[in-house]
N, C-alpha and C. Protein backbone atom coordinates (compact mmCIF):
# COMPACT_ATOMS: atom_id res chain seq x y z
N MET A 1 17.25 -95.64 -19.54
CA MET A 1 17.28 -94.88 -20.77
C MET A 1 17.76 -95.80 -21.88
N SER A 2 17.19 -95.67 -23.03
CA SER A 2 17.55 -96.56 -24.14
C SER A 2 18.85 -96.10 -24.77
N ALA A 3 19.43 -96.98 -25.55
CA ALA A 3 20.68 -96.65 -26.25
C ALA A 3 20.46 -95.52 -27.24
N GLN A 4 19.29 -95.50 -27.89
CA GLN A 4 18.97 -94.44 -28.84
C GLN A 4 18.87 -93.09 -28.12
N GLY A 5 18.25 -93.06 -26.95
CA GLY A 5 18.12 -91.83 -26.18
C GLY A 5 19.47 -91.30 -25.73
N GLU A 6 20.36 -92.20 -25.33
CA GLU A 6 21.69 -91.77 -24.91
C GLU A 6 22.48 -91.22 -26.08
N SER A 7 22.38 -91.85 -27.24
CA SER A 7 23.14 -91.36 -28.39
C SER A 7 22.59 -90.02 -28.86
N ASP A 8 21.27 -89.81 -28.73
CA ASP A 8 20.69 -88.51 -29.08
C ASP A 8 21.19 -87.42 -28.13
N LYS A 9 21.25 -87.78 -26.84
CA LYS A 9 21.72 -86.82 -25.84
C LYS A 9 23.19 -86.46 -26.10
N MET A 10 24.00 -87.44 -26.44
CA MET A 10 25.42 -87.20 -26.72
C MET A 10 25.57 -86.34 -27.97
N ALA A 11 24.71 -86.53 -28.95
CA ALA A 11 24.82 -85.77 -30.19
C ALA A 11 24.44 -84.31 -29.99
N THR A 12 23.50 -84.04 -29.06
CA THR A 12 23.07 -82.65 -28.86
C THR A 12 24.01 -81.89 -27.93
N GLU A 13 24.79 -82.57 -27.12
CA GLU A 13 25.74 -81.89 -26.26
C GLU A 13 26.94 -81.44 -27.07
N HIS A 14 27.48 -80.29 -26.71
CA HIS A 14 28.65 -79.78 -27.40
C HIS A 14 29.90 -80.29 -26.69
N ALA A 15 30.91 -80.55 -27.47
CA ALA A 15 32.18 -80.98 -26.89
C ALA A 15 32.91 -79.75 -26.36
N HIS A 16 33.21 -79.76 -25.08
CA HIS A 16 33.92 -78.63 -24.49
C HIS A 16 35.42 -78.82 -24.66
N ALA A 17 36.12 -77.75 -24.48
CA ALA A 17 37.57 -77.76 -24.66
C ALA A 17 38.24 -78.61 -23.59
N THR A 18 39.39 -79.11 -23.95
CA THR A 18 40.17 -79.92 -23.02
C THR A 18 41.06 -79.03 -22.17
N THR A 19 41.69 -79.62 -21.19
CA THR A 19 42.62 -78.87 -20.34
C THR A 19 43.77 -78.30 -21.16
N GLY A 20 44.24 -79.07 -22.13
CA GLY A 20 45.31 -78.58 -23.00
C GLY A 20 44.92 -77.33 -23.77
N THR A 21 43.67 -77.28 -24.20
CA THR A 21 43.19 -76.10 -24.92
C THR A 21 43.20 -74.88 -24.01
N TYR A 22 42.74 -75.07 -22.77
CA TYR A 22 42.74 -73.94 -21.83
C TYR A 22 44.17 -73.48 -21.51
N LEU A 23 45.08 -74.40 -21.42
CA LEU A 23 46.48 -74.03 -21.16
C LEU A 23 47.08 -73.29 -22.35
N ARG A 24 46.73 -73.72 -23.58
CA ARG A 24 47.22 -73.01 -24.77
C ARG A 24 46.64 -71.60 -24.83
N ILE A 25 45.37 -71.45 -24.52
CA ILE A 25 44.75 -70.12 -24.52
C ILE A 25 45.40 -69.25 -23.45
N ALA A 26 45.68 -69.82 -22.29
CA ALA A 26 46.36 -69.06 -21.23
C ALA A 26 47.75 -68.61 -21.69
N ALA A 27 48.47 -69.47 -22.38
CA ALA A 27 49.80 -69.11 -22.88
C ALA A 27 49.69 -67.99 -23.92
N ILE A 28 48.69 -68.07 -24.78
CA ILE A 28 48.48 -67.01 -25.77
C ILE A 28 48.15 -65.69 -25.08
N LEU A 29 47.32 -65.74 -24.05
CA LEU A 29 46.99 -64.52 -23.30
C LEU A 29 48.21 -63.91 -22.63
N VAL A 30 49.08 -64.76 -22.10
CA VAL A 30 50.32 -64.26 -21.49
C VAL A 30 51.20 -63.60 -22.55
N MET A 31 51.31 -64.23 -23.72
CA MET A 31 52.14 -63.66 -24.78
C MET A 31 51.59 -62.31 -25.24
N ILE A 32 50.28 -62.21 -25.38
CA ILE A 32 49.68 -60.93 -25.80
C ILE A 32 49.91 -59.86 -24.74
N THR A 33 49.82 -60.24 -23.47
CA THR A 33 50.08 -59.29 -22.40
C THR A 33 51.54 -58.82 -22.43
N LEU A 34 52.47 -59.73 -22.67
CA LEU A 34 53.87 -59.33 -22.79
C LEU A 34 54.10 -58.40 -23.98
N ILE A 35 53.41 -58.65 -25.08
CA ILE A 35 53.50 -57.77 -26.23
C ILE A 35 52.97 -56.38 -25.88
N GLU A 36 51.85 -56.34 -25.15
CA GLU A 36 51.28 -55.05 -24.74
C GLU A 36 52.26 -54.27 -23.88
N VAL A 37 52.89 -54.94 -22.94
CA VAL A 37 53.85 -54.26 -22.07
C VAL A 37 55.06 -53.81 -22.88
N GLY A 38 55.54 -54.66 -23.78
CA GLY A 38 56.69 -54.30 -24.61
C GLY A 38 56.40 -53.14 -25.54
N VAL A 39 55.22 -53.11 -26.14
CA VAL A 39 54.85 -52.04 -27.06
C VAL A 39 54.82 -50.70 -26.34
N PHE A 40 54.42 -50.70 -25.10
CA PHE A 40 54.34 -49.46 -24.34
C PHE A 40 55.71 -48.78 -24.21
N TYR A 41 56.76 -49.57 -24.14
CA TYR A 41 58.10 -49.02 -23.92
C TYR A 41 58.89 -48.77 -25.19
N VAL A 42 58.34 -49.08 -26.35
CA VAL A 42 59.05 -48.84 -27.62
C VAL A 42 58.65 -47.46 -28.15
N PRO A 43 59.60 -46.54 -28.25
CA PRO A 43 59.28 -45.17 -28.69
C PRO A 43 58.69 -45.12 -30.11
N ALA A 44 59.04 -46.04 -30.96
CA ALA A 44 58.55 -46.01 -32.35
C ALA A 44 57.04 -46.23 -32.43
N PHE A 45 56.45 -46.83 -31.41
CA PHE A 45 55.02 -47.12 -31.42
C PHE A 45 54.18 -46.03 -30.74
N GLN A 46 54.78 -44.92 -30.33
CA GLN A 46 54.04 -43.91 -29.60
C GLN A 46 52.89 -43.31 -30.41
N ASN A 47 53.06 -43.21 -31.73
CA ASN A 47 52.00 -42.63 -32.56
C ASN A 47 50.78 -43.53 -32.68
N VAL A 48 50.98 -44.83 -32.59
CA VAL A 48 49.88 -45.79 -32.75
C VAL A 48 49.66 -46.60 -31.48
N LEU A 49 50.12 -46.08 -30.37
CA LEU A 49 50.07 -46.84 -29.11
C LEU A 49 48.65 -47.19 -28.70
N VAL A 50 47.77 -46.21 -28.65
CA VAL A 50 46.41 -46.45 -28.17
C VAL A 50 45.64 -47.41 -29.08
N PRO A 51 45.62 -47.19 -30.40
CA PRO A 51 44.91 -48.16 -31.24
C PRO A 51 45.49 -49.57 -31.17
N LEU A 52 46.80 -49.67 -31.10
CA LEU A 52 47.44 -50.98 -31.01
C LEU A 52 47.07 -51.69 -29.71
N LEU A 53 47.10 -50.97 -28.60
CA LEU A 53 46.72 -51.56 -27.32
C LEU A 53 45.23 -51.94 -27.29
N LEU A 54 44.41 -51.14 -27.95
CA LEU A 54 42.98 -51.47 -28.02
C LEU A 54 42.74 -52.75 -28.82
N VAL A 55 43.46 -52.91 -29.91
CA VAL A 55 43.31 -54.13 -30.72
C VAL A 55 43.80 -55.35 -29.94
N LEU A 56 44.95 -55.23 -29.30
CA LEU A 56 45.46 -56.36 -28.52
C LEU A 56 44.53 -56.71 -27.37
N SER A 57 43.98 -55.70 -26.73
CA SER A 57 43.03 -55.95 -25.64
C SER A 57 41.75 -56.59 -26.15
N ALA A 58 41.31 -56.20 -27.33
CA ALA A 58 40.11 -56.80 -27.91
C ALA A 58 40.34 -58.27 -28.24
N VAL A 59 41.54 -58.60 -28.71
CA VAL A 59 41.86 -60.00 -28.99
C VAL A 59 41.85 -60.81 -27.70
N LYS A 60 42.45 -60.27 -26.66
CA LYS A 60 42.44 -60.96 -25.36
C LYS A 60 41.02 -61.12 -24.84
N PHE A 61 40.24 -60.08 -24.94
CA PHE A 61 38.86 -60.12 -24.47
C PHE A 61 38.08 -61.20 -25.22
N THR A 62 38.25 -61.27 -26.52
CA THR A 62 37.55 -62.26 -27.33
C THR A 62 37.94 -63.67 -26.93
N LEU A 63 39.22 -63.91 -26.72
CA LEU A 63 39.66 -65.25 -26.30
C LEU A 63 39.07 -65.63 -24.95
N VAL A 64 39.06 -64.70 -24.02
CA VAL A 64 38.51 -65.00 -22.69
C VAL A 64 37.03 -65.30 -22.78
N VAL A 65 36.30 -64.50 -23.55
CA VAL A 65 34.86 -64.71 -23.67
C VAL A 65 34.56 -66.03 -24.37
N MET A 66 35.29 -66.31 -25.44
CA MET A 66 35.01 -67.53 -26.21
C MET A 66 35.30 -68.80 -25.42
N PHE A 67 36.41 -68.83 -24.72
CA PHE A 67 36.82 -70.08 -24.10
C PHE A 67 36.49 -70.15 -22.61
N TYR A 68 36.82 -69.12 -21.84
CA TYR A 68 36.63 -69.21 -20.40
C TYR A 68 35.19 -68.93 -19.99
N MET A 69 34.46 -68.17 -20.81
CA MET A 69 33.03 -67.97 -20.53
C MET A 69 32.18 -68.94 -21.34
N HIS A 70 32.81 -69.78 -22.12
CA HIS A 70 32.18 -70.88 -22.87
C HIS A 70 31.18 -70.41 -23.92
N LEU A 71 31.28 -69.17 -24.41
CA LEU A 71 30.35 -68.73 -25.44
C LEU A 71 30.60 -69.45 -26.76
N LYS A 72 31.80 -69.95 -26.95
CA LYS A 72 32.09 -70.69 -28.18
C LYS A 72 31.29 -71.99 -28.24
N PHE A 73 30.98 -72.54 -27.10
CA PHE A 73 30.31 -73.84 -27.04
C PHE A 73 28.82 -73.72 -26.75
N ASP A 74 28.32 -72.51 -26.47
CA ASP A 74 26.91 -72.32 -26.15
C ASP A 74 26.12 -72.00 -27.41
N ASN A 75 24.84 -71.82 -27.22
CA ASN A 75 23.94 -71.45 -28.28
C ASN A 75 24.36 -70.09 -28.87
N ARG A 76 24.22 -69.93 -30.17
CA ARG A 76 24.60 -68.68 -30.83
C ARG A 76 23.79 -67.49 -30.31
N PHE A 77 22.60 -67.74 -29.81
CA PHE A 77 21.76 -66.67 -29.28
C PHE A 77 22.45 -65.96 -28.12
N PHE A 78 23.12 -66.72 -27.26
CA PHE A 78 23.82 -66.11 -26.13
C PHE A 78 24.99 -65.27 -26.60
N ALA A 79 25.67 -65.73 -27.63
CA ALA A 79 26.77 -64.94 -28.19
C ALA A 79 26.23 -63.64 -28.77
N PHE A 80 25.06 -63.69 -29.41
CA PHE A 80 24.44 -62.48 -29.94
C PHE A 80 24.04 -61.54 -28.81
N LEU A 81 23.46 -62.08 -27.73
CA LEU A 81 23.06 -61.24 -26.61
C LEU A 81 24.26 -60.55 -25.96
N PHE A 82 25.40 -61.20 -26.00
CA PHE A 82 26.61 -60.61 -25.43
C PHE A 82 27.31 -59.70 -26.43
N GLY A 83 27.40 -60.14 -27.67
CA GLY A 83 28.17 -59.40 -28.68
C GLY A 83 27.46 -58.19 -29.24
N GLY A 84 26.14 -58.23 -29.34
CA GLY A 84 25.40 -57.09 -29.89
C GLY A 84 25.61 -55.81 -29.09
N PRO A 85 25.31 -55.81 -27.80
CA PRO A 85 25.56 -54.61 -27.00
C PRO A 85 27.04 -54.23 -26.93
N LEU A 86 27.91 -55.23 -26.96
CA LEU A 86 29.34 -54.93 -26.96
C LEU A 86 29.74 -54.18 -28.22
N LEU A 87 29.24 -54.60 -29.35
CA LEU A 87 29.52 -53.91 -30.61
C LEU A 87 28.97 -52.49 -30.59
N LEU A 88 27.77 -52.33 -30.06
CA LEU A 88 27.18 -51.00 -29.94
C LEU A 88 28.05 -50.10 -29.04
N ALA A 89 28.50 -50.63 -27.93
CA ALA A 89 29.36 -49.86 -27.02
C ALA A 89 30.67 -49.48 -27.71
N LEU A 90 31.23 -50.38 -28.49
CA LEU A 90 32.47 -50.10 -29.21
C LEU A 90 32.28 -48.97 -30.21
N VAL A 91 31.17 -48.99 -30.93
CA VAL A 91 30.88 -47.93 -31.89
C VAL A 91 30.73 -46.59 -31.18
N VAL A 92 30.06 -46.58 -30.04
CA VAL A 92 29.88 -45.33 -29.28
C VAL A 92 31.23 -44.80 -28.79
N VAL A 93 32.06 -45.68 -28.26
CA VAL A 93 33.37 -45.25 -27.74
C VAL A 93 34.24 -44.69 -28.85
N VAL A 94 34.30 -45.39 -29.98
CA VAL A 94 35.12 -44.91 -31.10
C VAL A 94 34.57 -43.58 -31.62
N SER A 95 33.26 -43.45 -31.70
CA SER A 95 32.66 -42.19 -32.15
C SER A 95 33.02 -41.04 -31.21
N LEU A 96 32.93 -41.29 -29.92
CA LEU A 96 33.29 -40.24 -28.95
C LEU A 96 34.76 -39.88 -29.04
N LEU A 97 35.61 -40.87 -29.23
CA LEU A 97 37.04 -40.57 -29.39
C LEU A 97 37.29 -39.70 -30.61
N LEU A 98 36.63 -40.01 -31.70
CA LEU A 98 36.81 -39.21 -32.91
C LEU A 98 36.25 -37.80 -32.75
N ILE A 99 35.12 -37.68 -32.07
CA ILE A 99 34.54 -36.36 -31.84
C ILE A 99 35.46 -35.51 -30.98
N PHE A 100 35.97 -36.07 -29.89
CA PHE A 100 36.85 -35.30 -29.01
C PHE A 100 38.19 -35.01 -29.66
N TYR A 101 38.68 -35.92 -30.49
CA TYR A 101 39.92 -35.67 -31.21
C TYR A 101 39.73 -34.49 -32.16
N GLY A 102 38.58 -34.45 -32.84
CA GLY A 102 38.30 -33.33 -33.74
C GLY A 102 38.14 -32.02 -32.99
N ALA A 103 37.52 -32.07 -31.81
CA ALA A 103 37.34 -30.86 -31.02
C ALA A 103 38.68 -30.32 -30.53
N VAL A 104 39.58 -31.20 -30.14
CA VAL A 104 40.91 -30.77 -29.69
C VAL A 104 41.68 -30.16 -30.84
N ARG A 105 41.59 -30.78 -32.01
CA ARG A 105 42.30 -30.24 -33.18
C ARG A 105 41.77 -28.87 -33.56
N LEU A 106 40.45 -28.67 -33.48
CA LEU A 106 39.90 -27.36 -33.80
C LEU A 106 40.33 -26.31 -32.79
N ARG A 107 40.39 -26.68 -31.53
CA ARG A 107 40.75 -25.74 -30.48
C ARG A 107 42.22 -25.34 -30.56
N THR A 108 43.10 -26.30 -30.88
CA THR A 108 44.53 -26.01 -30.93
C THR A 108 44.96 -25.49 -32.29
N GLY A 109 44.13 -25.67 -33.32
CA GLY A 109 44.47 -25.17 -34.64
C GLY A 109 45.48 -26.01 -35.39
N THR A 110 45.65 -27.28 -34.98
CA THR A 110 46.62 -28.13 -35.69
C THR A 110 45.90 -29.14 -36.55
């Protein structure tokens, strides 16, 4: 293979994360998990517990998908194939939660 061909191949390959990056992401995931566990036991957060846990879980999910599933380093098309249906599912879940919350409020009269 010629030197030009090798340099072209190197330019088209994406640089993957180093071991240090994976260890930092793992540490961040552990910290977020500890925050989730801590939030569960704080009485002041009971009113916003579910939305807060959903946001923290979404952050963890995003980090895992981006780094450990390598979507950050792959073609954007794969990220779209993964993220599009995920976004649709999120919209459906939130819509159902709001519908059922409204139905419960109407039934209880509060």
